[in-house]
Amino acid sequence: MSAPLRTIRLDKWLWHARFFKTRSLSAKRITGGHVQVNSVKVAKTAALVGPGDTLTFAQGRDIKVIRILEIGVRRGPAPEAQALYQDLSPPVVRDANSDAGVSQEMRKGRPTKQDRQAILKFKDGLKPF
């Protein structure tokens, strides 16, 4: 008698592996059609996955390509969760100026006192007296 294949629900595995903070967030991503299992879009949270399956999904700005190595028993600490998968995603190199639509002025934070004084001088110059 052979041992049964170990499988787990996709939403539960993504939550165990700490890709999503809650199981309902992983379920929303799956039902939205944003997760692929072995290059096939999956729309059901109850899709079964097991060791050897490859998952592709977006997380933040990055596309994650993950190969499942083990089935998690619980949602444990990060080192335990990282042992559940192998990350096949290419490394992402970000340029300091890669934030599209955000100027350098907006990235530096609150204006300094000198910046505020310059803004006030500029505004006073525009007011008709």
N, C-alpha and C. Protein backbone atom coordinates (compact mmCIF):
# COMPACT_ATOMS: atom_id res chain seq x y z
N MET A 1 0.84 -1.17 0.00
CA MET A 1 0.00 0.00 0.00
C MET A 1 0.88 1.24 0.00
N SER A 2 0.70 2.13 -0.96
CA SER A 2 1.53 3.32 -1.06
C SER A 2 0.97 4.43 -0.17
N ALA A 3 1.85 5.31 0.24
CA ALA A 3 1.45 6.44 1.08
C ALA A 3 0.72 7.46 0.22
N PRO A 4 -0.36 8.05 0.74
CA PRO A 4 -1.08 9.04 -0.04
C PRO A 4 -0.25 10.30 -0.25
N LEU A 5 -0.45 10.94 -1.38
CA LEU A 5 0.24 12.19 -1.65
C LEU A 5 -0.22 13.25 -0.66
N ARG A 6 0.69 13.97 -0.11
CA ARG A 6 0.34 15.02 0.83
C ARG A 6 0.03 16.29 0.06
N THR A 7 -1.15 16.81 0.26
CA THR A 7 -1.56 18.05 -0.38
C THR A 7 -2.22 18.94 0.65
N ILE A 8 -2.34 20.22 0.29
CA ILE A 8 -2.94 21.21 1.18
C ILE A 8 -3.64 22.25 0.31
N ARG A 9 -4.63 22.90 0.87
CA ARG A 9 -5.32 23.97 0.15
C ARG A 9 -4.33 25.09 -0.17
N LEU A 10 -4.48 25.68 -1.33
CA LEU A 10 -3.56 26.71 -1.79
C LEU A 10 -3.57 27.92 -0.86
N ASP A 11 -4.75 28.39 -0.46
CA ASP A 11 -4.80 29.57 0.40
C ASP A 11 -4.14 29.30 1.74
N LYS A 12 -4.31 28.11 2.25
CA LYS A 12 -3.71 27.75 3.53
C LYS A 12 -2.19 27.67 3.42
N TRP A 13 -1.68 27.12 2.31
CA TRP A 13 -0.24 27.02 2.14
C TRP A 13 0.40 28.40 2.01
N LEU A 14 -0.22 29.29 1.23
CA LEU A 14 0.32 30.64 1.10
C LEU A 14 0.36 31.36 2.44
N TRP A 15 -0.62 31.11 3.27
CA TRP A 15 -0.66 31.70 4.60
C TRP A 15 0.40 31.08 5.51
N HIS A 16 0.55 29.75 5.46
CA HIS A 16 1.57 29.07 6.26
C HIS A 16 2.97 29.54 5.88
N ALA A 17 3.20 29.77 4.60
CA ALA A 17 4.51 30.17 4.12
C ALA A 17 4.76 31.67 4.30
N ARG A 18 3.80 32.36 4.90
CA ARG A 18 3.90 33.78 5.26
C ARG A 18 4.02 34.71 4.06
N PHE A 19 3.40 34.37 2.95
CA PHE A 19 3.34 35.29 1.83
C PHE A 19 2.24 36.31 2.03
N PHE A 20 1.22 35.95 2.80
CA PHE A 20 0.12 36.85 3.10
C PHE A 20 -0.12 36.85 4.60
N LYS A 21 -0.51 38.00 5.12
CA LYS A 21 -0.67 38.15 6.56
C LYS A 21 -1.86 37.36 7.10
N THR A 22 -2.92 37.28 6.31
CA THR A 22 -4.10 36.51 6.73
C THR A 22 -4.49 35.53 5.63
N ARG A 23 -5.22 34.52 6.02
CA ARG A 23 -5.67 33.53 5.06
C ARG A 23 -6.69 34.14 4.11
N SER A 24 -7.50 35.08 4.61
CA SER A 24 -8.50 35.71 3.74
C SER A 24 -7.83 36.58 2.67
N LEU A 25 -6.69 37.20 2.97
CA LEU A 25 -5.97 37.96 1.94
C LEU A 25 -5.44 37.03 0.85
N SER A 26 -4.94 35.87 1.24
CA SER A 26 -4.48 34.93 0.22
C SER A 26 -5.65 34.42 -0.60
N ALA A 27 -6.81 34.22 0.04
CA ALA A 27 -8.00 33.77 -0.69
C ALA A 27 -8.46 34.81 -1.69
N LYS A 28 -8.40 36.09 -1.32
CA LYS A 28 -8.79 37.16 -2.25
C LYS A 28 -7.87 37.20 -3.46
N ARG A 29 -6.59 37.01 -3.24
CA ARG A 29 -5.64 37.03 -4.35
C ARG A 29 -5.89 35.86 -5.29
N ILE A 30 -6.25 34.70 -4.72
CA ILE A 30 -6.50 33.51 -5.54
C ILE A 30 -7.79 33.67 -6.33
N THR A 31 -8.88 34.07 -5.66
CA THR A 31 -10.17 34.21 -6.36
C THR A 31 -10.14 35.33 -7.38
N GLY A 32 -9.24 36.27 -7.23
CA GLY A 32 -9.08 37.34 -8.22
C GLY A 32 -8.35 36.87 -9.46
N GLY A 33 -7.87 35.64 -9.46
CA GLY A 33 -7.19 35.09 -10.64
C GLY A 33 -5.75 35.53 -10.75
N HIS A 34 -5.12 35.89 -9.62
CA HIS A 34 -3.76 36.41 -9.64
C HIS A 34 -2.71 35.38 -9.24
N VAL A 35 -3.11 34.12 -9.13
CA VAL A 35 -2.16 33.06 -8.75
C VAL A 35 -2.19 31.96 -9.81
N GLN A 36 -1.00 31.50 -10.20
CA GLN A 36 -0.89 30.41 -11.15
C GLN A 36 -0.20 29.23 -10.46
N VAL A 37 -0.73 28.05 -10.68
CA VAL A 37 -0.11 26.83 -10.18
C VAL A 37 0.33 26.03 -11.39
N ASN A 38 1.61 25.80 -11.51
CA ASN A 38 2.19 25.10 -12.66
C ASN A 38 1.75 25.75 -13.97
N SER A 39 1.82 27.07 -14.03
CA SER A 39 1.50 27.90 -15.20
C SER A 39 0.03 27.87 -15.60
N VAL A 40 -0.87 27.49 -14.71
CA VAL A 40 -2.30 27.48 -14.96
C VAL A 40 -2.98 28.36 -13.92
N LYS A 41 -3.78 29.34 -14.39
CA LYS A 41 -4.48 30.21 -13.45
C LYS A 41 -5.45 29.41 -12.60
N VAL A 42 -5.47 29.74 -11.32
CA VAL A 42 -6.35 29.06 -10.38
C VAL A 42 -7.29 30.10 -9.81
N ALA A 43 -8.59 29.78 -9.76
CA ALA A 43 -9.57 30.72 -9.22
C ALA A 43 -10.24 30.20 -7.96
N LYS A 44 -9.91 29.00 -7.55
CA LYS A 44 -10.52 28.42 -6.35
C LYS A 44 -9.49 28.30 -5.24
N THR A 45 -9.89 28.75 -4.05
CA THR A 45 -8.97 28.70 -2.92
C THR A 45 -8.72 27.27 -2.46
N ALA A 46 -9.61 26.38 -2.78
CA ALA A 46 -9.48 24.99 -2.35
C ALA A 46 -8.62 24.15 -3.29
N ALA A 47 -7.97 24.78 -4.27
CA ALA A 47 -7.08 24.03 -5.16
C ALA A 47 -5.99 23.38 -4.33
N LEU A 48 -5.70 22.12 -4.61
CA LEU A 48 -4.72 21.39 -3.82
C LEU A 48 -3.34 21.54 -4.43
N VAL A 49 -2.37 21.80 -3.56
CA VAL A 49 -0.98 21.91 -3.99
C VAL A 49 -0.14 21.00 -3.11
N GLY A 50 0.99 20.60 -3.63
CA GLY A 50 1.89 19.71 -2.89
C GLY A 50 3.32 19.96 -3.28
N PRO A 51 4.24 19.21 -2.70
CA PRO A 51 5.65 19.37 -3.03
C PRO A 51 5.90 19.17 -4.52
N GLY A 52 6.70 20.06 -5.09
CA GLY A 52 7.01 19.99 -6.51
C GLY A 52 6.21 20.97 -7.35
N ASP A 53 5.09 21.47 -6.84
CA ASP A 53 4.29 22.43 -7.58
C ASP A 53 5.00 23.78 -7.61
N THR A 54 4.78 24.53 -8.71
CA THR A 54 5.36 25.85 -8.87
C THR A 54 4.25 26.88 -8.85
N LEU A 55 4.40 27.89 -8.00
CA LEU A 55 3.41 28.97 -7.88
C LEU A 55 3.99 30.25 -8.45
N THR A 56 3.15 31.01 -9.14
CA THR A 56 3.54 32.31 -9.67
C THR A 56 2.46 33.31 -9.26
N PHE A 57 2.87 34.39 -8.59
CA PHE A 57 1.93 35.41 -8.15
C PHE A 57 2.67 36.71 -7.89
N ALA A 58 1.91 37.80 -7.89
CA ALA A 58 2.48 39.10 -7.61
C ALA A 58 2.39 39.38 -6.12
N GLN A 59 3.46 39.93 -5.59
CA GLN A 59 3.47 40.36 -4.21
C GLN A 59 4.14 41.72 -4.15
N GLY A 60 3.33 42.74 -3.90
CA GLY A 60 3.85 44.09 -3.96
C GLY A 60 4.19 44.44 -5.40
N ARG A 61 5.43 44.88 -5.62
CA ARG A 61 5.87 45.23 -6.97
C ARG A 61 6.55 44.06 -7.67
N ASP A 62 6.79 42.98 -6.96
CA ASP A 62 7.55 41.87 -7.50
C ASP A 62 6.66 40.71 -7.92
N ILE A 63 7.14 39.94 -8.89
CA ILE A 63 6.50 38.70 -9.30
C ILE A 63 7.28 37.58 -8.63
N LYS A 64 6.58 36.79 -7.83
CA LYS A 64 7.22 35.68 -7.12
C LYS A 64 7.00 34.38 -7.89
N VAL A 65 8.06 33.62 -8.05
CA VAL A 65 8.00 32.28 -8.61
C VAL A 65 8.55 31.36 -7.53
N ILE A 66 7.68 30.49 -7.02
CA ILE A 66 7.99 29.68 -5.86
C ILE A 66 7.80 28.20 -6.18
N ARG A 67 8.74 27.35 -5.76
CA ARG A 67 8.57 25.91 -5.85
C ARG A 67 8.32 25.38 -4.44
N ILE A 68 7.23 24.66 -4.27
CA ILE A 68 6.87 24.12 -2.97
C ILE A 68 7.77 22.92 -2.66
N LEU A 69 8.42 22.97 -1.50
CA LEU A 69 9.28 21.87 -1.07
C LEU A 69 8.59 20.99 -0.04
N GLU A 70 7.82 21.62 0.85
CA GLU A 70 7.15 20.87 1.91
C GLU A 70 5.78 21.46 2.17
N ILE A 71 4.95 20.68 2.86
CA ILE A 71 3.63 21.14 3.30
C ILE A 71 3.77 21.60 4.74
N GLY A 72 3.29 22.80 5.04
CA GLY A 72 3.39 23.31 6.40
C GLY A 72 2.34 22.69 7.31
N VAL A 73 2.72 22.42 8.52
CA VAL A 73 1.80 21.89 9.51
C VAL A 73 1.11 23.04 10.23
N ARG A 74 1.83 24.16 10.38
CA ARG A 74 1.30 25.32 11.08
C ARG A 74 1.92 26.57 10.50
N ARG A 75 1.41 27.72 10.91
CA ARG A 75 2.00 28.99 10.51
C ARG A 75 3.00 29.37 11.58
N GLY A 76 4.21 28.93 11.40
CA GLY A 76 5.24 29.11 12.41
C GLY A 76 6.08 30.35 12.15
N PRO A 77 7.24 30.42 12.79
CA PRO A 77 8.13 31.56 12.61
C PRO A 77 8.71 31.60 11.20
N ALA A 78 9.29 32.73 10.85
CA ALA A 78 9.79 32.95 9.49
C ALA A 78 10.79 31.90 9.03
N PRO A 79 11.78 31.51 9.83
CA PRO A 79 12.72 30.49 9.34
C PRO A 79 12.02 29.16 9.00
N GLU A 80 11.02 28.81 9.78
CA GLU A 80 10.26 27.59 9.51
C GLU A 80 9.46 27.73 8.21
N ALA A 81 8.91 28.92 7.99
CA ALA A 81 8.13 29.17 6.77
C ALA A 81 9.02 29.17 5.54
N GLN A 82 10.24 29.70 5.65
CA GLN A 82 11.15 29.76 4.51
C GLN A 82 11.65 28.38 4.10
N ALA A 83 11.56 27.42 4.99
CA ALA A 83 11.97 26.05 4.66
C ALA A 83 10.92 25.33 3.83
N LEU A 84 9.73 25.93 3.67
CA LEU A 84 8.65 25.29 2.92
C LEU A 84 8.78 25.47 1.41
N TYR A 85 9.61 26.41 0.96
CA TYR A 85 9.66 26.72 -0.47
C TYR A 85 11.06 27.09 -0.91
N GLN A 86 11.22 27.09 -2.24
CA GLN A 86 12.44 27.57 -2.87
C GLN A 86 12.04 28.73 -3.77
N ASP A 87 12.68 29.85 -3.59
CA ASP A 87 12.36 31.04 -4.38
C ASP A 87 13.11 30.98 -5.70
N LEU A 88 12.36 30.91 -6.80
CA LEU A 88 12.96 30.83 -8.14
C LEU A 88 12.94 32.18 -8.84
N SER A 89 12.46 33.22 -8.16
CA SER A 89 12.35 34.55 -8.76
C SER A 89 13.74 35.11 -9.02
N PRO A 90 13.91 35.80 -10.15
CA PRO A 90 15.21 36.44 -10.38
C PRO A 90 15.40 37.59 -9.40
N PRO A 91 16.62 37.87 -9.00
CA PRO A 91 16.84 38.97 -8.06
C PRO A 91 16.45 40.30 -8.70
N VAL A 92 15.82 41.15 -7.91
CA VAL A 92 15.35 42.44 -8.40
C VAL A 92 16.34 43.51 -7.98
N VAL A 93 16.85 44.24 -8.97
CA VAL A 93 17.76 45.36 -8.69
C VAL A 93 16.98 46.63 -8.91
N ARG A 94 16.86 47.40 -7.84
CA ARG A 94 16.10 48.64 -7.92
C ARG A 94 17.06 49.82 -8.03
N ASP A 95 16.72 50.71 -8.93
CA ASP A 95 17.46 51.95 -9.09
C ASP A 95 16.92 52.96 -8.09
N ALA A 96 17.73 53.86 -7.62
CA ALA A 96 17.27 54.86 -6.65
C ALA A 96 16.21 55.76 -7.26
N ASN A 97 16.24 55.96 -8.57
CA ASN A 97 15.27 56.82 -9.23
C ASN A 97 14.18 56.04 -9.95
N SER A 98 13.93 54.80 -9.52
CA SER A 98 12.98 53.95 -10.24
C SER A 98 11.53 54.21 -9.85
N ASP A 99 11.28 55.04 -8.86
CA ASP A 99 9.90 55.33 -8.45
C ASP A 99 9.26 56.23 -9.49
N ALA A 100 8.48 55.65 -10.37
CA ALA A 100 7.84 56.40 -11.44
C ALA A 100 6.77 57.32 -10.86
N GLY A 101 6.78 58.56 -11.30
CA GLY A 101 5.74 59.50 -10.88
C GLY A 101 6.03 60.20 -9.56
N VAL A 102 7.13 59.89 -8.90
CA VAL A 102 7.46 60.52 -7.63
C VAL A 102 8.73 61.33 -7.83
N SER A 103 8.63 62.62 -7.59
CA SER A 103 9.79 63.48 -7.80
C SER A 103 10.76 63.35 -6.63
N GLN A 104 11.95 63.85 -6.81
CA GLN A 104 12.97 63.82 -5.77
C GLN A 104 12.52 64.64 -4.57
N GLU A 105 11.82 65.75 -4.82
CA GLU A 105 11.34 66.59 -3.73
C GLU A 105 10.34 65.85 -2.85
N MET A 106 9.48 65.02 -3.46
CA MET A 106 8.47 64.31 -2.69
C MET A 106 9.11 63.19 -1.87
N ARG A 107 10.24 62.64 -2.30
CA ARG A 107 10.87 61.53 -1.61
C ARG A 107 11.63 61.95 -0.38
N LYS A 108 12.01 63.22 -0.28
CA LYS A 108 12.88 63.58 0.82
C LYS A 108 12.14 63.89 2.11
N GLY A 109 10.82 63.90 2.13
CA GLY A 109 10.08 64.07 3.37
C GLY A 109 9.56 65.49 3.55
N ARG A 110 9.42 65.87 4.81
CA ARG A 110 8.86 67.19 5.13
C ARG A 110 9.82 68.29 4.71
N PRO A 111 9.25 69.45 4.34
CA PRO A 111 10.14 70.58 3.98
C PRO A 111 10.85 71.12 5.22
N THR A 112 12.05 71.62 5.00
CA THR A 112 12.81 72.23 6.09
C THR A 112 12.31 73.65 6.30
N LYS A 113 12.83 74.29 7.34
CA LYS A 113 12.44 75.68 7.62
C LYS A 113 12.82 76.57 6.44
N GLN A 114 13.97 76.31 5.87
CA GLN A 114 14.42 77.10 4.72
C GLN A 114 13.49 76.89 3.52
N ASP A 115 13.04 75.65 3.31
CA ASP A 115 12.10 75.37 2.22
C ASP A 115 10.78 76.10 2.44
N ARG A 116 10.27 76.08 3.68
CA ARG A 116 9.01 76.76 3.98
C ARG A 116 9.11 78.26 3.76
N GLN A 117 10.24 78.86 4.16
CA GLN A 117 10.43 80.29 3.95
C GLN A 117 10.45 80.62 2.46
N ALA A 118 11.10 79.75 1.66
CA ALA A 118 11.14 79.97 0.21
C ALA A 118 9.73 79.86 -0.38
N ILE A 119 8.94 78.93 0.12
CA ILE A 119 7.56 78.76 -0.36
C ILE A 119 6.74 80.01 -0.03
N LEU A 120 6.88 80.52 1.20
CA LEU A 120 6.14 81.72 1.60
C LEU A 120 6.54 82.93 0.77
N LYS A 121 7.83 83.09 0.50
CA LYS A 121 8.31 84.20 -0.34
C LYS A 121 7.71 84.09 -1.74
N PHE A 122 7.67 82.89 -2.27
CA PHE A 122 7.11 82.67 -3.60
C PHE A 122 5.62 83.01 -3.63
N LYS A 123 4.89 82.56 -2.60
CA LYS A 123 3.45 82.85 -2.54
C LYS A 123 3.20 84.34 -2.38
N ASP A 124 4.00 85.02 -1.58
CA ASP A 124 3.82 86.47 -1.40
C ASP A 124 4.07 87.21 -2.70
N GLY A 125 4.97 86.72 -3.51
CA GLY A 125 5.26 87.35 -4.79
C GLY A 125 4.10 87.22 -5.76
N LEU A 126 3.25 86.22 -5.60
CA LEU A 126 2.13 86.00 -6.50
C LEU A 126 0.89 86.77 -6.09
N LYS A 127 0.82 87.25 -4.83
CA LYS A 127 -0.39 87.92 -4.37
C LYS A 127 -0.41 89.37 -4.90
N PRO A 128 -1.51 89.77 -5.53
CA PRO A 128 -1.62 91.15 -5.98
C PRO A 128 -1.96 92.07 -4.80
N PHE A 129 -1.17 93.15 -4.60
CA PHE A 129 -1.45 94.10 -3.52
C PHE A 129 -1.78 95.44 -4.07
